[in-house]
Amino acid sequence: MRKVRTLRAELGTTQGTVQRVAKQLGYGVESVRGWVVQADIDEGKVPGVTTEEAKRIAQLEQENRELRRANAILKRAATFFGAEPDRQSRR
């Protein structure tokens, strides 16, 4: 969060800074506050999930969904093709 580091360097961390910055930039106070909290987590100042960890988790969850979908398709195909010889032998 380079923006947050820059703002801290220029404005400090005095009370009311988040509100003032949010107003000047045209963002909501809670949005800017969230950026500050996430910057603190990314810098290791407070515990939590870093931005990089969150990205990695999202990638792994996407991969997991894709693998589950592929497995479901393969199971249906195996069932279909596994049942095929039975159909022919009954004729």
N, C-alpha and C. Protein backbone atom coordinates (compact mmCIF):
# COMPACT_ATOMS: atom_id res chain seq x y z
N MET A 1 0.83 -1.17 0.00
CA MET A 1 0.00 0.00 0.00
C MET A 1 0.89 1.25 0.00
N ARG A 2 1.45 1.48 -1.14
CA ARG A 2 2.34 2.62 -1.30
C ARG A 2 1.63 3.94 -0.99
N LYS A 3 0.36 4.01 -1.37
CA LYS A 3 -0.40 5.24 -1.12
C LYS A 3 -0.46 5.55 0.38
N VAL A 4 -0.69 4.53 1.17
CA VAL A 4 -0.80 4.74 2.61
C VAL A 4 0.54 5.17 3.18
N ARG A 5 1.62 4.55 2.76
CA ARG A 5 2.95 4.95 3.25
C ARG A 5 3.24 6.40 2.89
N THR A 6 2.89 6.78 1.66
CA THR A 6 3.10 8.16 1.22
C THR A 6 2.28 9.13 2.07
N LEU A 7 1.02 8.78 2.30
CA LEU A 7 0.16 9.65 3.11
C LEU A 7 0.68 9.78 4.53
N ARG A 8 1.14 8.66 5.09
CA ARG A 8 1.68 8.71 6.45
C ARG A 8 2.92 9.59 6.51
N ALA A 9 3.76 9.48 5.50
CA ALA A 9 4.98 10.29 5.49
C ALA A 9 4.65 11.78 5.38
N GLU A 10 3.65 12.11 4.55
CA GLU A 10 3.30 13.51 4.34
C GLU A 10 2.45 14.09 5.47
N LEU A 11 1.51 13.28 5.97
CA LEU A 11 0.54 13.82 6.92
C LEU A 11 0.74 13.35 8.35
N GLY A 12 1.51 12.30 8.53
CA GLY A 12 1.66 11.74 9.86
C GLY A 12 0.48 10.86 10.20
N THR A 13 0.34 10.57 11.47
CA THR A 13 -0.74 9.69 11.90
C THR A 13 -1.60 10.35 12.97
N THR A 14 -1.75 11.63 12.87
CA THR A 14 -2.54 12.33 13.88
C THR A 14 -4.01 12.00 13.74
N GLN A 15 -4.73 12.22 14.82
CA GLN A 15 -6.15 11.91 14.83
C GLN A 15 -6.87 12.76 13.79
N GLY A 16 -7.79 12.14 13.08
CA GLY A 16 -8.56 12.84 12.06
C GLY A 16 -7.92 12.81 10.69
N THR A 17 -6.75 12.24 10.57
CA THR A 17 -6.06 12.18 9.29
C THR A 17 -6.85 11.39 8.27
N VAL A 18 -7.39 10.25 8.68
CA VAL A 18 -8.13 9.40 7.74
C VAL A 18 -9.33 10.16 7.19
N GLN A 19 -10.06 10.82 8.04
CA GLN A 19 -11.22 11.58 7.58
C GLN A 19 -10.81 12.70 6.62
N ARG A 20 -9.76 13.40 6.97
CA ARG A 20 -9.28 14.51 6.14
C ARG A 20 -8.81 14.01 4.78
N VAL A 21 -8.05 12.93 4.77
CA VAL A 21 -7.53 12.38 3.52
C VAL A 21 -8.67 11.84 2.67
N ALA A 22 -9.59 11.13 3.29
CA ALA A 22 -10.73 10.58 2.55
C ALA A 22 -11.51 11.70 1.87
N LYS A 23 -11.72 12.77 2.59
CA LYS A 23 -12.47 13.91 2.03
C LYS A 23 -11.69 14.54 0.88
N GLN A 24 -10.39 14.72 1.06
CA GLN A 24 -9.57 15.35 0.02
C GLN A 24 -9.52 14.49 -1.24
N LEU A 25 -9.46 13.17 -1.07
CA LEU A 25 -9.35 12.27 -2.22
C LEU A 25 -10.70 11.88 -2.82
N GLY A 26 -11.75 12.14 -2.08
CA GLY A 26 -13.08 11.82 -2.58
C GLY A 26 -13.46 10.35 -2.36
N TYR A 27 -12.84 9.71 -1.38
CA TYR A 27 -13.17 8.33 -1.03
C TYR A 27 -13.91 8.31 0.28
N GLY A 28 -14.57 7.19 0.55
CA GLY A 28 -15.25 7.04 1.83
C GLY A 28 -14.24 6.85 2.95
N VAL A 29 -14.62 7.29 4.13
CA VAL A 29 -13.75 7.19 5.30
C VAL A 29 -13.42 5.73 5.58
N GLU A 30 -14.41 4.86 5.51
CA GLU A 30 -14.17 3.45 5.80
C GLU A 30 -13.26 2.79 4.77
N SER A 31 -13.33 3.23 3.52
CA SER A 31 -12.42 2.70 2.50
C SER A 31 -10.98 3.03 2.85
N VAL A 32 -10.73 4.29 3.15
CA VAL A 32 -9.37 4.72 3.50
C VAL A 32 -8.92 4.04 4.78
N ARG A 33 -9.81 3.93 5.76
CA ARG A 33 -9.46 3.27 7.01
C ARG A 33 -9.08 1.80 6.74
N GLY A 34 -9.82 1.15 5.86
CA GLY A 34 -9.51 -0.23 5.49
C GLY A 34 -8.13 -0.35 4.85
N TRP A 35 -7.80 0.62 4.00
CA TRP A 35 -6.47 0.62 3.38
C TRP A 35 -5.38 0.75 4.43
N VAL A 36 -5.61 1.59 5.41
CA VAL A 36 -4.62 1.79 6.47
C VAL A 36 -4.46 0.51 7.28
N VAL A 37 -5.57 -0.12 7.64
CA VAL A 37 -5.51 -1.37 8.40
C VAL A 37 -4.77 -2.44 7.60
N GLN A 38 -5.09 -2.56 6.30
CA GLN A 38 -4.42 -3.56 5.46
C GLN A 38 -2.94 -3.25 5.32
N ALA A 39 -2.59 -1.98 5.24
CA ALA A 39 -1.17 -1.60 5.17
C ALA A 39 -0.45 -2.01 6.45
N ASP A 40 -1.10 -1.83 7.59
CA ASP A 40 -0.50 -2.25 8.87
C ASP A 40 -0.28 -3.76 8.89
N ILE A 41 -1.23 -4.51 8.37
CA ILE A 41 -1.09 -5.98 8.31
C ILE A 41 0.05 -6.35 7.38
N ASP A 42 0.08 -5.73 6.19
CA ASP A 42 1.13 -6.04 5.21
C ASP A 42 2.52 -5.70 5.74
N GLU A 43 2.61 -4.67 6.58
CA GLU A 43 3.90 -4.26 7.14
C GLU A 43 4.27 -5.05 8.39
N GLY A 44 3.36 -5.91 8.83
CA GLY A 44 3.64 -6.74 10.00
C GLY A 44 3.42 -6.05 11.33
N LYS A 45 2.76 -4.92 11.31
CA LYS A 45 2.52 -4.18 12.56
C LYS A 45 1.40 -4.80 13.37
N VAL A 46 0.42 -5.39 12.69
CA VAL A 46 -0.70 -6.06 13.36
C VAL A 46 -0.92 -7.42 12.69
N PRO A 47 -1.46 -8.39 13.45
CA PRO A 47 -1.69 -9.70 12.85
C PRO A 47 -2.86 -9.67 11.87
N GLY A 48 -2.81 -10.56 10.90
CA GLY A 48 -3.89 -10.67 9.93
C GLY A 48 -3.38 -11.29 8.64
N VAL A 49 -4.26 -11.42 7.68
CA VAL A 49 -3.92 -12.00 6.38
C VAL A 49 -3.40 -10.89 5.48
N THR A 50 -2.16 -11.06 5.02
CA THR A 50 -1.57 -10.04 4.15
C THR A 50 -2.21 -10.08 2.76
N THR A 51 -1.97 -9.04 2.01
CA THR A 51 -2.51 -8.96 0.65
C THR A 51 -2.00 -10.11 -0.20
N GLU A 52 -0.72 -10.42 -0.09
CA GLU A 52 -0.15 -11.52 -0.86
C GLU A 52 -0.76 -12.86 -0.45
N GLU A 53 -0.95 -13.07 0.84
CA GLU A 53 -1.58 -14.31 1.31
C GLU A 53 -3.01 -14.41 0.79
N ALA A 54 -3.74 -13.31 0.81
CA ALA A 54 -5.12 -13.30 0.33
C ALA A 54 -5.18 -13.63 -1.16
N LYS A 55 -4.23 -13.10 -1.93
CA LYS A 55 -4.18 -13.42 -3.36
C LYS A 55 -3.90 -14.90 -3.57
N ARG A 56 -2.96 -15.44 -2.81
CA ARG A 56 -2.60 -16.86 -2.93
C ARG A 56 -3.78 -17.75 -2.55
N ILE A 57 -4.48 -17.39 -1.48
CA ILE A 57 -5.66 -18.15 -1.06
C ILE A 57 -6.71 -18.14 -2.16
N ALA A 58 -6.94 -16.98 -2.76
CA ALA A 58 -7.93 -16.87 -3.84
C ALA A 58 -7.53 -17.74 -5.03
N GLN A 59 -6.24 -17.76 -5.36
CA GLN A 59 -5.75 -18.60 -6.47
C GLN A 59 -5.97 -20.08 -6.15
N LEU A 60 -5.66 -20.48 -4.93
CA LEU A 60 -5.83 -21.87 -4.54
C LEU A 60 -7.31 -22.27 -4.52
N GLU A 61 -8.17 -21.38 -4.08
CA GLU A 61 -9.60 -21.67 -4.09
C GLU A 61 -10.12 -21.83 -5.51
N GLN A 62 -9.65 -20.98 -6.44
CA GLN A 62 -10.04 -21.08 -7.84
C GLN A 62 -9.55 -22.41 -8.42
N GLU A 63 -8.32 -22.76 -8.15
CA GLU A 63 -7.77 -24.02 -8.62
C GLU A 63 -8.56 -25.20 -8.06
N ASN A 64 -8.92 -25.12 -6.80
CA ASN A 64 -9.71 -26.17 -6.16
C ASN A 64 -11.07 -26.33 -6.85
N ARG A 65 -11.74 -25.20 -7.16
CA ARG A 65 -13.03 -25.26 -7.86
C ARG A 65 -12.87 -25.92 -9.23
N GLU A 66 -11.82 -25.55 -9.96
CA GLU A 66 -11.59 -26.12 -11.28
C GLU A 66 -11.31 -27.62 -11.20
N LEU A 67 -10.54 -28.03 -10.22
CA LEU A 67 -10.24 -29.46 -10.06
C LEU A 67 -11.49 -30.25 -9.67
N ARG A 68 -12.31 -29.69 -8.80
CA ARG A 68 -13.56 -30.36 -8.44
C ARG A 68 -14.48 -30.51 -9.65
N ARG A 69 -14.56 -29.46 -10.46
CA ARG A 69 -15.37 -29.52 -11.68
C ARG A 69 -14.83 -30.58 -12.64
N ALA A 70 -13.53 -30.62 -12.83
CA ALA A 70 -12.92 -31.61 -13.71
C ALA A 70 -13.16 -33.02 -13.18
N ASN A 71 -13.04 -33.21 -11.87
CA ASN A 71 -13.29 -34.53 -11.28
C ASN A 71 -14.74 -34.96 -11.49
N ALA A 72 -15.67 -34.03 -11.35
CA ALA A 72 -17.09 -34.36 -11.56
C ALA A 72 -17.32 -34.78 -13.00
N ILE A 73 -16.72 -34.09 -13.94
CA ILE A 73 -16.86 -34.45 -15.36
C ILE A 73 -16.26 -35.83 -15.61
N LEU A 74 -15.09 -36.09 -15.05
CA LEU A 74 -14.44 -37.39 -15.24
C LEU A 74 -15.26 -38.52 -14.62
N LYS A 75 -15.87 -38.28 -13.48
CA LYS A 75 -16.71 -39.30 -12.84
C LYS A 75 -17.93 -39.61 -13.71
N ARG A 76 -18.56 -38.56 -14.26
CA ARG A 76 -19.72 -38.79 -15.14
C ARG A 76 -19.31 -39.54 -16.40
N ALA A 77 -18.15 -39.18 -16.94
CA ALA A 77 -17.67 -39.85 -18.14
C ALA A 77 -17.35 -41.31 -17.84
N ALA A 78 -16.73 -41.57 -16.70
CA ALA A 78 -16.40 -42.95 -16.33
C ALA A 78 -17.67 -43.77 -16.14
N THR A 79 -18.68 -43.17 -15.52
CA THR A 79 -19.95 -43.86 -15.34
C THR A 79 -20.60 -44.15 -16.69
N PHE A 80 -20.60 -43.19 -17.57
CA PHE A 80 -21.20 -43.36 -18.89
C PHE A 80 -20.48 -44.44 -19.68
N PHE A 81 -19.17 -44.33 -19.76
CA PHE A 81 -18.41 -45.29 -20.55
C PHE A 81 -18.33 -46.65 -19.87
N GLY A 82 -18.40 -46.66 -18.55
CA GLY A 82 -18.41 -47.93 -17.82
C GLY A 82 -19.71 -48.68 -18.05
N ALA A 83 -20.80 -47.97 -18.25
CA ALA A 83 -22.10 -48.59 -18.47
C ALA A 83 -22.28 -48.98 -19.93
N GLU A 84 -21.52 -48.45 -20.82
CA GLU A 84 -21.65 -48.71 -22.25
C GLU A 84 -21.54 -50.20 -22.60
N PRO A 85 -20.54 -50.95 -22.14
CA PRO A 85 -20.44 -52.37 -22.52
C PRO A 85 -21.66 -53.18 -22.05
N ASP A 86 -22.23 -52.83 -20.91
CA ASP A 86 -23.41 -53.53 -20.43
C ASP A 86 -24.58 -53.37 -21.39
N ARG A 87 -24.73 -52.20 -21.94
CA ARG A 87 -25.81 -51.95 -22.87
C ARG A 87 -25.66 -52.80 -24.13
N GLN A 88 -24.45 -52.94 -24.61
CA GLN A 88 -24.22 -53.71 -25.84
C GLN A 88 -24.40 -55.19 -25.60
N SER A 89 -24.00 -55.68 -24.44
CA SER A 89 -24.09 -57.11 -24.18
C SER A 89 -25.53 -57.57 -23.97
N ARG A 90 -26.42 -56.69 -23.60
CA ARG A 90 -27.81 -57.03 -23.37
C ARG A 90 -28.60 -57.13 -24.68
N ARG A 91 -28.08 -56.64 -25.74
CA ARG A 91 -28.80 -56.65 -27.02
C ARG A 91 -28.79 -57.97 -27.67
